């Protein structure tokens, strides 16, 4: 038969209720910072390389030139 001490409880977890170690906090902060940096790099890369050619048509069959005059 199980006793009360065998029951799972959040209070038995060593990281519960702000009792985590400083190294674990730093690891979580580092992972979040790296994720934000990588996301910013991808966003900048996508923004800088988003070049759209507005010319519709070919040399043989010219189309509409939407370039601003």
PDB file of N, CA and C in Angstrom:
ATOM      1  N   UNK A   1       0.840  -1.170   0.000  1.00  0.00           N
ATOM      2  CA  UNK A   1       0.000   0.000   0.000  1.00  0.00           C
ATOM      3  C   UNK A   1       0.894   1.246   0.000  1.00  0.00           C
ATOM      4  N   UNK A   2       0.458   2.265  -0.726  1.00  0.00           N
ATOM      5  CA  UNK A   2       1.242   3.486  -0.831  1.00  0.00           C
ATOM      6  C   UNK A   2       0.938   4.414   0.341  1.00  0.00           C
ATOM      7  N   UNK A   3       1.948   5.097   0.754  1.00  0.00           N
ATOM      8  CA  UNK A   3       1.762   6.076   1.824  1.00  0.00           C
ATOM      9  C   UNK A   3       1.722   7.474   1.225  1.00  0.00           C
ATOM     10  N   UNK A   4       1.496   8.432   2.057  1.00  0.00           N
ATOM     11  CA  UNK A   4       1.429   9.826   1.603  1.00  0.00           C
ATOM     12  C   UNK A   4       2.764  10.285   1.029  1.00  0.00           C
ATOM     13  N   UNK A   5       3.875   9.765   1.535  1.00  0.00           N
ATOM     14  CA  UNK A   5       5.199  10.173   1.066  1.00  0.00           C
ATOM     15  C   UNK A   5       5.490   9.661  -0.338  1.00  0.00           C
ATOM     16  N   UNK A   6       4.803   8.615  -0.791  1.00  0.00           N
ATOM     17  CA  UNK A   6       5.035   8.065  -2.120  1.00  0.00           C
ATOM     18  C   UNK A   6       4.321   8.854  -3.215  1.00  0.00           C
ATOM     19  N   UNK A   7       3.393   9.693  -2.850  1.00  0.00           N
ATOM     20  CA  UNK A   7       2.626  10.438  -3.839  1.00  0.00           C
ATOM     21  C   UNK A   7       3.507  11.483  -4.527  1.00  0.00           C
ATOM     22  N   UNK A   8       3.246  11.675  -5.804  1.00  0.00           N
ATOM     23  CA  UNK A   8       3.961  12.702  -6.536  1.00  0.00           C
ATOM     24  C   UNK A   8       3.490  14.077  -6.087  1.00  0.00           C
ATOM     25  N   UNK A   9       4.419  14.995  -6.007  1.00  0.00           N
ATOM     26  CA  UNK A   9       4.085  16.338  -5.571  1.00  0.00           C
ATOM     27  C   UNK A   9       5.046  17.326  -6.212  1.00  0.00           C
ATOM     28  N   UNK A  10       4.544  18.483  -6.557  1.00  0.00           N
ATOM     29  CA  UNK A  10       5.408  19.513  -7.125  1.00  0.00           C
ATOM     30  C   UNK A  10       6.437  19.989  -6.110  1.00  0.00           C
ATOM     31  N   UNK A  11       6.092  19.939  -4.836  1.00  0.00           N
ATOM     32  CA  UNK A  11       7.008  20.407  -3.800  1.00  0.00           C
ATOM     33  C   UNK A  11       8.224  19.500  -3.653  1.00  0.00           C
ATOM     34  N   UNK A  12       8.149  18.280  -4.169  1.00  0.00           N
ATOM     35  CA  UNK A  12       9.284  17.361  -4.088  1.00  0.00           C
ATOM     36  C   UNK A  12      10.288  17.575  -5.219  1.00  0.00           C
ATOM     37  N   UNK A  13       9.902  18.337  -6.224  1.00  0.00           N
ATOM     38  CA  UNK A  13      10.810  18.614  -7.331  1.00  0.00           C
ATOM     39  C   UNK A  13      11.797  19.679  -6.875  1.00  0.00           C
ATOM     40  N   UNK A  14      13.071  19.452  -7.142  1.00  0.00           N
ATOM     41  CA  UNK A  14      14.099  20.361  -6.634  1.00  0.00           C
ATOM     42  C   UNK A  14      14.051  21.746  -7.275  1.00  0.00           C
ATOM     43  N   UNK A  15      13.448  21.871  -8.459  1.00  0.00           N
ATOM     44  CA  UNK A  15      13.397  23.159  -9.142  1.00  0.00           C
ATOM     45  C   UNK A  15      12.091  23.911  -8.907  1.00  0.00           C
ATOM     46  N   UNK A  16      11.230  23.415  -8.075  1.00  0.00           N
ATOM     47  CA  UNK A  16       9.919  24.025  -7.868  1.00  0.00           C
ATOM     48  C   UNK A  16      10.013  25.196  -6.892  1.00  0.00           C
ATOM     49  N   UNK A  17       9.202  26.211  -7.119  1.00  0.00           N
ATOM     50  CA  UNK A  17       9.051  27.343  -6.199  1.00  0.00           C
ATOM     51  C   UNK A  17      10.342  28.150  -6.042  1.00  0.00           C
ATOM     52  N   UNK A  18      10.957  28.523  -7.182  1.00  0.00           N
ATOM     53  CA  UNK A  18      12.171  29.355  -7.208  1.00  0.00           C
ATOM     54  C   UNK A  18      13.347  28.747  -6.457  1.00  0.00           C
ATOM     55  N   UNK A  19      13.470  27.443  -6.491  1.00  0.00           N
ATOM     56  CA  UNK A  19      14.584  26.780  -5.817  1.00  0.00           C
ATOM     57  C   UNK A  19      15.605  26.233  -6.810  1.00  0.00           C
ATOM     58  N   UNK A  20      15.521  26.676  -8.081  1.00  0.00           N
ATOM     59  CA  UNK A  20      16.453  26.169  -9.075  1.00  0.00           C
ATOM     60  C   UNK A  20      17.834  26.783  -8.854  1.00  0.00           C
ATOM     61  N   UNK A  21      18.841  26.084  -9.341  1.00  0.00           N
ATOM     62  CA  UNK A  21      20.204  26.562  -9.154  1.00  0.00           C
ATOM     63  C   UNK A  21      20.501  27.696 -10.130  1.00  0.00           C
ATOM     64  N   UNK A  22      21.522  28.474  -9.804  1.00  0.00           N
ATOM     65  CA  UNK A  22      21.905  29.601 -10.649  1.00  0.00           C
ATOM     66  C   UNK A  22      22.396  29.125 -12.011  1.00  0.00           C
ATOM     67  N   UNK A  23      23.060  27.978 -12.044  1.00  0.00           N
ATOM     68  CA  UNK A  23      23.552  27.473 -13.334  1.00  0.00           C
ATOM     69  C   UNK A  23      22.391  27.076 -14.247  1.00  0.00           C
ATOM     70  N   UNK A  24      21.314  26.530 -13.683  1.00  0.00           N
ATOM     71  CA  UNK A  24      20.147  26.193 -14.502  1.00  0.00           C
ATOM     72  C   UNK A  24      19.475  27.458 -15.027  1.00  0.00           C
ATOM     73  N   UNK A  25      19.395  28.485 -14.205  1.00  0.00           N
ATOM     74  CA  UNK A  25      18.824  29.754 -14.658  1.00  0.00           C
ATOM     75  C   UNK A  25      19.653  30.340 -15.796  1.00  0.00           C
ATOM     76  N   UNK A  26      20.973  30.305 -15.638  1.00  0.00           N
ATOM     77  CA  UNK A  26      21.846  30.839 -16.680  1.00  0.00           C
ATOM     78  C   UNK A  26      21.726  30.035 -17.967  1.00  0.00           C
ATOM     79  N   UNK A  27      21.567  28.724 -17.851  1.00  0.00           N
ATOM     80  CA  UNK A  27      21.409  27.884 -19.039  1.00  0.00           C
ATOM     81  C   UNK A  27      20.129  28.241 -19.777  1.00  0.00           C
ATOM     82  N   UNK A  28      19.047  28.418 -19.057  1.00  0.00           N
ATOM     83  CA  UNK A  28      17.769  28.775 -19.680  1.00  0.00           C
ATOM     84  C   UNK A  28      17.875  30.147 -20.343  1.00  0.00           C
ATOM     85  N   UNK A  29      18.489  31.098 -19.669  1.00  0.00           N
ATOM     86  CA  UNK A  29      18.652  32.434 -20.244  1.00  0.00           C
ATOM     87  C   UNK A  29      19.527  32.395 -21.489  1.00  0.00           C
ATOM     88  N   UNK A  30      20.581  31.591 -21.458  1.00  0.00           N
ATOM     89  CA  UNK A  30      21.468  31.469 -22.615  1.00  0.00           C
ATOM     90  C   UNK A  30      20.735  30.862 -23.800  1.00  0.00           C
ATOM     91  N   UNK A  31      19.952  29.821 -23.563  1.00  0.00           N
ATOM     92  CA  UNK A  31      19.201  29.180 -24.648  1.00  0.00           C
ATOM     93  C   UNK A  31      18.193  30.160 -25.253  1.00  0.00           C
ATOM     94  N   UNK A  32      17.510  30.918 -24.422  1.00  0.00           N
ATOM     95  CA  UNK A  32      16.547  31.901 -24.919  1.00  0.00           C
ATOM     96  C   UNK A  32      17.259  32.985 -25.719  1.00  0.00           C
ATOM     97  N   UNK A  33      18.392  33.481 -25.214  1.00  0.00           N
ATOM     98  CA  UNK A  33      19.139  34.524 -25.921  1.00  0.00           C
ATOM     99  C   UNK A  33      19.643  34.024 -27.269  1.00  0.00           C
ATOM    100  N   UNK A  34      20.157  32.803 -27.313  1.00  0.00           N
ATOM    101  CA  UNK A  34      20.643  32.238 -28.573  1.00  0.00           C
ATOM    102  C   UNK A  34      19.487  32.088 -29.561  1.00  0.00           C
ATOM    103  N   UNK A  35      18.341  31.642 -29.086  1.00  0.00           N
ATOM    104  CA  UNK A  35      17.174  31.517 -29.956  1.00  0.00           C
ATOM    105  C   UNK A  35      16.745  32.861 -30.532  1.00  0.00           C
ATOM    106  N   UNK A  36      16.760  33.905 -29.708  1.00  0.00           N
ATOM    107  CA  UNK A  36      16.400  35.235 -30.194  1.00  0.00           C
ATOM    108  C   UNK A  36      17.413  35.760 -31.206  1.00  0.00           C
ATOM    109  N   UNK A  37      18.691  35.511 -30.954  1.00  0.00           N
ATOM    110  CA  UNK A  37      19.736  35.960 -31.883  1.00  0.00           C
ATOM    111  C   UNK A  37      19.608  35.245 -33.222  1.00  0.00           C
ATOM    112  N   UNK A  38      19.407  33.940 -33.191  1.00  0.00           N
ATOM    113  CA  UNK A  38      19.250  33.177 -34.438  1.00  0.00           C
ATOM    114  C   UNK A  38      18.003  33.646 -35.187  1.00  0.00           C
ATOM    115  N   UNK A  39      16.920  33.883 -34.474  1.00  0.00           N
ATOM    116  CA  UNK A  39      15.704  34.384 -35.109  1.00  0.00           C
ATOM    117  C   UNK A  39      15.913  35.751 -35.741  1.00  0.00           C
ATOM    118  N   UNK A  40      16.667  36.626 -35.066  1.00  0.00           N
ATOM    119  CA  UNK A  40      16.947  37.951 -35.622  1.00  0.00           C
ATOM    120  C   UNK A  40      17.802  37.845 -36.875  1.00  0.00           C
ATOM    121  N   UNK A  41      18.778  36.945 -36.869  1.00  0.00           N
ATOM    122  CA  UNK A  41      19.630  36.752 -38.048  1.00  0.00           C
ATOM    123  C   UNK A  41      18.790  36.283 -39.226  1.00  0.00           C
ATOM    124  N   UNK A  42      17.923  35.314 -39.008  1.00  0.00           N
ATOM    125  CA  UNK A  42      17.064  34.830 -40.089  1.00  0.00           C
ATOM    126  C   UNK A  42      16.110  35.924 -40.574  1.00  0.00           C
ATOM    127  N   UNK A  43      15.570  36.724 -39.658  1.00  0.00           N
ATOM    128  CA  UNK A  43      14.658  37.796 -40.055  1.00  0.00           C
ATOM    129  C   UNK A  43      15.377  38.844 -40.898  1.00  0.00           C
ATOM    130  N   UNK A  44      16.591  39.214 -40.495  1.00  0.00           N
ATOM    131  CA  UNK A  44      17.368  40.185 -41.268  1.00  0.00           C
ATOM    132  C   UNK A  44      17.713  39.611 -42.630  1.00  0.00           C
ATOM    133  N   UNK A  45      18.137  38.362 -42.667  1.00  0.00           N
ATOM    134  CA  UNK A  45      18.489  37.718 -43.935  1.00  0.00           C
ATOM    135  C   UNK A  45      17.285  37.668 -44.871  1.00  0.00           C
ATOM    136  N   UNK A  46      16.134  37.330 -44.336  1.00  0.00           N
ATOM    137  CA  UNK A  46      14.924  37.256 -45.158  1.00  0.00           C
ATOM    138  C   UNK A  46      14.525  38.640 -45.655  1.00  0.00           C
ATOM    139  N   UNK A  47      14.639  39.636 -44.807  1.00  0.00           N
ATOM    140  CA  UNK A  47      14.263  40.997 -45.185  1.00  0.00           C
ATOM    141  C   UNK A  47      15.205  41.551 -46.250  1.00  0.00           C
ATOM    142  N   UNK A  48      16.511  41.336 -46.089  1.00  0.00           N
ATOM    143  CA  UNK A  48      17.496  41.874 -47.021  1.00  0.00           C
ATOM    144  C   UNK A  48      17.452  41.180 -48.375  1.00  0.00           C
ATOM    145  N   UNK A  49      17.052  39.933 -48.424  1.00  0.00           N
ATOM    146  CA  UNK A  49      17.054  39.176 -49.670  1.00  0.00           C
ATOM    147  C   UNK A  49      15.666  39.051 -50.289  1.00  0.00           C
ATOM    148  N   UNK A  50      14.769  39.909 -49.903  1.00  0.00           N
ATOM    149  CA  UNK A  50      13.411  39.878 -50.437  1.00  0.00           C
ATOM    150  C   UNK A  50      13.317  40.865 -51.600  1.00  0.00           C
ATOM    151  N   UNK A  51      13.983  40.530 -52.697  1.00  0.00           N
ATOM    152  CA  UNK A  51      14.000  41.389 -53.874  1.00  0.00           C
ATOM    153  C   UNK A  51      13.014  40.821 -54.882  1.00  0.00           C
ATOM    154  N   UNK A  52      12.102  41.663 -55.312  1.00  0.00           N
ATOM    155  CA  UNK A  52      11.094  41.239 -56.272  1.00  0.00           C
ATOM    156  C   UNK A  52      11.324  42.001 -57.569  1.00  0.00           C
ATOM    157  N   UNK A  53      11.427  41.279 -58.661  1.00  0.00           N
ATOM    158  CA  UNK A  53      11.562  41.902 -59.968  1.00  0.00           C
ATOM    159  C   UNK A  53      10.160  42.216 -60.481  1.00  0.00           C
ATOM    160  N   UNK A  54       9.885  43.493 -60.677  1.00  0.00           N
ATOM    161  CA  UNK A  54       8.543  43.911 -61.060  1.00  0.00           C
ATOM    162  C   UNK A  54       8.281  43.829 -62.560  1.00  0.00           C
ATOM    163  N   UNK A  55       9.261  43.456 -63.345  1.00  0.00           N
ATOM    164  CA  UNK A  55       9.067  43.388 -64.792  1.00  0.00           C
ATOM    165  C   UNK A  55       8.362  42.093 -65.153  1.00  0.00           C
ATOM    166  N   UNK A  56       7.280  42.225 -65.908  1.00  0.00           N
ATOM    167  CA  UNK A  56       6.517  41.066 -66.340  1.00  0.00           C
ATOM    168  C   UNK A  56       6.707  40.929 -67.844  1.00  0.00           C
ATOM    169  N   UNK A  57       7.298  39.835 -68.277  1.00  0.00           N
ATOM    170  CA  UNK A  57       7.480  39.605 -69.703  1.00  0.00           C
ATOM    171  C   UNK A  57       8.889  39.117 -70.007  1.00  0.00           C
ATOM    172  N   UNK A  58       9.159  38.907 -71.291  1.00  0.00           N
ATOM    173  CA  UNK A  58      10.473  38.466 -71.757  1.00  0.00           C
ATOM    174  C   UNK A  58      10.961  39.438 -72.820  1.00  0.00           C
ATOM    175  N   UNK A  59      12.180  39.232 -73.311  1.00  0.00           N
ATOM    176  CA  UNK A  59      12.703  40.108 -74.358  1.00  0.00           C
ATOM    177  C   UNK A  59      11.925  39.925 -75.658  1.00  0.00           C
ATOM    178  N   UNK A  60      11.529  38.707 -75.965  1.00  0.00           N
ATOM    179  CA  UNK A  60      10.772  38.449 -77.192  1.00  0.00           C
ATOM    180  C   UNK A  60       9.333  38.948 -77.099  1.00  0.00           C
ATOM    181  N   UNK A  61       8.765  38.842 -75.933  1.00  0.00           N
ATOM    182  CA  UNK A  61       7.371  39.223 -75.737  1.00  0.00           C
ATOM    183  C   UNK A  61       7.305  40.184 -74.552  1.00  0.00           C
ATOM    184  N   UNK A  62       7.549  41.481 -74.784  1.00  0.00           N
ATOM    185  CA  UNK A  62       7.591  42.403 -73.655  1.00  0.00           C
ATOM    186  C   UNK A  62       6.241  42.500 -72.956  1.00  0.00           C
ATOM    187  N   UNK A  63       6.334  42.677 -71.690  1.00  0.00           N
ATOM    188  CA  UNK A  63       5.117  42.773 -70.891  1.00  0.00           C
ATOM    189  C   UNK A  63       4.977  44.159 -70.307  1.00  0.00           C
ATOM    190  N   UNK A  64       4.485  44.224 -69.119  1.00  0.00           N
ATOM    191  CA  UNK A  64       4.241  45.494 -68.451  1.00  0.00           C
ATOM    192  C   UNK A  64       5.438  45.807 -67.568  1.00  0.00           C
ATOM    193  N   UNK A  65       5.995  46.987 -67.709  1.00  0.00           N
ATOM    194  CA  UNK A  65       7.087  47.425 -66.852  1.00  0.00           C
ATOM    195  C   UNK A  65       6.484  48.263 -65.734  1.00  0.00           C
ATOM    196  N   UNK A  66       6.567  47.780 -64.526  1.00  0.00           N
ATOM    197  CA  UNK A  66       5.951  48.468 -63.392  1.00  0.00           C
ATOM    198  C   UNK A  66       6.952  49.300 -62.620  1.00  0.00           C
ATOM    199  N   UNK A  67       8.140  49.527 -63.212  1.00  0.00           N
ATOM    200  CA  UNK A  67       9.150  50.338 -62.530  1.00  0.00           C
ATOM    201  C   UNK A  67       8.639  51.765 -62.395  1.00  0.00           C
ATOM    202  N   UNK A  68       8.944  52.387 -61.278  1.00  0.00           N
ATOM    203  CA  UNK A  68       8.514  53.767 -61.047  1.00  0.00           C
ATOM    204  C   UNK A  68       9.337  54.699 -61.926  1.00  0.00           C
ATOM    205  N   UNK A  69       8.686  55.662 -62.513  1.00  0.00           N
ATOM    206  CA  UNK A  69       9.364  56.598 -63.425  1.00  0.00           C
ATOM    207  C   UNK A  69       9.636  57.906 -62.757  1.00  0.00           C
TER     208      UNK A  69
END
